[in-house]
Amino acid sequence: MAYSKKIIRLNADADPTLMGVTLGRLCILHSVPVNEICRDLDVSKAAVYRWFTGKHEVGKHLRSKVDAYYRSILSRA
């Protein structure tokens, strides 16, 4: 399993209108490793987990990059 039960639960309980939460749901569903996300988006693991759990929103400077990443996951699914 790529994600802990805690992260999966926190993501499921988080606000689905947040970009990071939506990205998290997709990454959990498709078992995208957090290390891959960090590498591809050039962010820390802590940032990814905060996005996934709705603790922080994706910064404006990263939104287009995260959106493109989201679409790339959908295209390979």
C-alpha atoms as a PDB file:
ATOM      1  CA  MET A   1       0.000   0.000   0.000  1.00  0.00           C
ATOM      2  CA  ALA A   2       1.427   3.354  -1.019  1.00  0.00           C
ATOM      3  CA  TYR A   3      -0.397   5.396   1.639  1.00  0.00           C
ATOM      4  CA  SER A   4      -1.116   4.844   5.305  1.00  0.00           C
ATOM      5  CA  LYS A   5      -4.637   4.273   6.541  1.00  0.00           C
ATOM      6  CA  LYS A   6      -4.380   7.573   8.401  1.00  0.00           C
ATOM      7  CA  ILE A   7      -3.587   9.573   5.244  1.00  0.00           C
ATOM      8  CA  ILE A   8      -6.360   7.794   3.359  1.00  0.00           C
ATOM      9  CA  ARG A   9      -8.855   8.585   6.152  1.00  0.00           C
ATOM     10  CA  LEU A  10      -7.760  12.211   6.475  1.00  0.00           C
ATOM     11  CA  ASN A  11      -7.994  12.640   2.720  1.00  0.00           C
ATOM     12  CA  ALA A  12     -11.476  11.099   2.653  1.00  0.00           C
ATOM     13  CA  ASP A  13     -12.607  13.490   5.394  1.00  0.00           C
ATOM     14  CA  ALA A  14     -11.036  16.601   3.812  1.00  0.00           C
ATOM     15  CA  ASP A  15     -12.790  19.248   1.691  1.00  0.00           C
ATOM     16  CA  PRO A  16     -13.116  17.801  -1.836  1.00  0.00           C
ATOM     17  CA  THR A  17     -13.190  21.273  -3.379  1.00  0.00           C
ATOM     18  CA  LEU A  18      -9.513  21.788  -2.528  1.00  0.00           C
ATOM     19  CA  MET A  19      -7.081  21.091  -5.353  1.00  0.00           C
ATOM     20  CA  GLY A  20      -4.644  19.228  -3.094  1.00  0.00           C
ATOM     21  CA  VAL A  21      -7.352  16.983  -1.689  1.00  0.00           C
ATOM     22  CA  THR A  22      -8.546  16.127  -5.195  1.00  0.00           C
ATOM     23  CA  LEU A  23      -4.978  15.387  -6.257  1.00  0.00           C
ATOM     24  CA  GLY A  24      -4.602  13.207  -3.175  1.00  0.00           C
ATOM     25  CA  ARG A  25      -7.685  11.188  -3.984  1.00  0.00           C
ATOM     26  CA  LEU A  26      -6.441  10.530  -7.482  1.00  0.00           C
ATOM     27  CA  CYS A  27      -2.934   9.622  -6.310  1.00  0.00           C
ATOM     28  CA  ILE A  28      -4.290   7.296  -3.618  1.00  0.00           C
ATOM     29  CA  LEU A  29      -6.645   5.642  -6.110  1.00  0.00           C
ATOM     30  CA  HIS A  30      -3.855   5.054  -8.637  1.00  0.00           C
ATOM     31  CA  SER A  31      -1.113   4.336  -6.060  1.00  0.00           C
ATOM     32  CA  VAL A  32       1.107   7.169  -7.267  1.00  0.00           C
ATOM     33  CA  PRO A  33       4.122   7.163  -4.921  1.00  0.00           C
ATOM     34  CA  VAL A  34       4.615  10.302  -2.872  1.00  0.00           C
ATOM     35  CA  ASN A  35       8.299  10.335  -3.869  1.00  0.00           C
ATOM     36  CA  GLU A  36       7.231  10.602  -7.521  1.00  0.00           C
ATOM     37  CA  ILE A  37       4.899  13.508  -6.745  1.00  0.00           C
ATOM     38  CA  CYS A  38       7.648  15.297  -4.818  1.00  0.00           C
ATOM     39  CA  ARG A  39      10.131  14.811  -7.638  1.00  0.00           C
ATOM     40  CA  ASP A  40       7.749  15.815 -10.418  1.00  0.00           C
ATOM     41  CA  LEU A  41       6.370  18.885  -8.630  1.00  0.00           C
ATOM     42  CA  ASP A  42       9.603  19.803  -6.809  1.00  0.00           C
ATOM     43  CA  VAL A  43       7.958  19.952  -3.385  1.00  0.00           C
ATOM     44  CA  SER A  44       8.537  18.251  -0.030  1.00  0.00           C
ATOM     45  CA  LYS A  45       6.716  15.194   1.281  1.00  0.00           C
ATOM     46  CA  ALA A  46       5.321  17.354   4.059  1.00  0.00           C
ATOM     47  CA  ALA A  47       3.783  19.720   1.499  1.00  0.00           C
ATOM     48  CA  VAL A  48       2.176  16.836  -0.388  1.00  0.00           C
ATOM     49  CA  TYR A  49       0.690  15.350   2.774  1.00  0.00           C
ATOM     50  CA  ARG A  50      -0.608  18.761   3.876  1.00  0.00           C
ATOM     51  CA  TRP A  51      -2.301  19.165   0.467  1.00  0.00           C
ATOM     52  CA  PHE A  52      -3.771  15.655   0.567  1.00  0.00           C
ATOM     53  CA  THR A  53      -5.255  16.192   4.023  1.00  0.00           C
ATOM     54  CA  GLY A  54      -6.551  19.706   3.341  1.00  0.00           C
ATOM     55  CA  LYS A  55      -4.232  21.311   5.906  1.00  0.00           C
ATOM     56  CA  HIS A  56      -2.809  23.651   3.250  1.00  0.00           C
ATOM     57  CA  GLU A  57      -3.930  24.571  -0.221  1.00  0.00           C
ATOM     58  CA  VAL A  58      -1.705  24.393  -3.267  1.00  0.00           C
ATOM     59  CA  GLY A  59       0.012  27.755  -3.695  1.00  0.00           C
ATOM     60  CA  LYS A  60      -1.011  29.954  -6.607  1.00  0.00           C
ATOM     61  CA  HIS A  61       2.454  29.613  -8.139  1.00  0.00           C
ATOM     62  CA  LEU A  62       2.015  25.809  -8.365  1.00  0.00           C
ATOM     63  CA  ARG A  63      -1.612  25.488  -9.434  1.00  0.00           C
ATOM     64  CA  SER A  64      -1.034  25.176 -13.164  1.00  0.00           C
ATOM     65  CA  LYS A  65       1.782  22.662 -12.584  1.00  0.00           C
ATOM     66  CA  VAL A  66      -0.403  20.606 -10.222  1.00  0.00           C
ATOM     67  CA  ASP A  67      -3.305  20.746 -12.677  1.00  0.00           C
ATOM     68  CA  ALA A  68      -1.067  19.451 -15.478  1.00  0.00           C
ATOM     69  CA  TYR A  69       0.222  16.711 -13.176  1.00  0.00           C
ATOM     70  CA  TYR A  70      -3.346  15.732 -12.273  1.00  0.00           C
ATOM     71  CA  ARG A  71      -4.221  15.460 -15.966  1.00  0.00           C
ATOM     72  CA  SER A  72      -1.092  13.390 -16.634  1.00  0.00           C
ATOM     73  CA  ILE A  73      -2.192  10.863 -13.995  1.00  0.00           C
ATOM     74  CA  LEU A  74      -5.641  10.652 -15.577  1.00  0.00           C
ATOM     75  CA  SER A  75      -4.137  10.096 -19.017  1.00  0.00           C
ATOM     76  CA  ARG A  76      -2.046   7.133 -17.888  1.00  0.00           C
ATOM     77  CA  ALA A  77      -4.888   5.512 -15.963  1.00  0.00           C
END
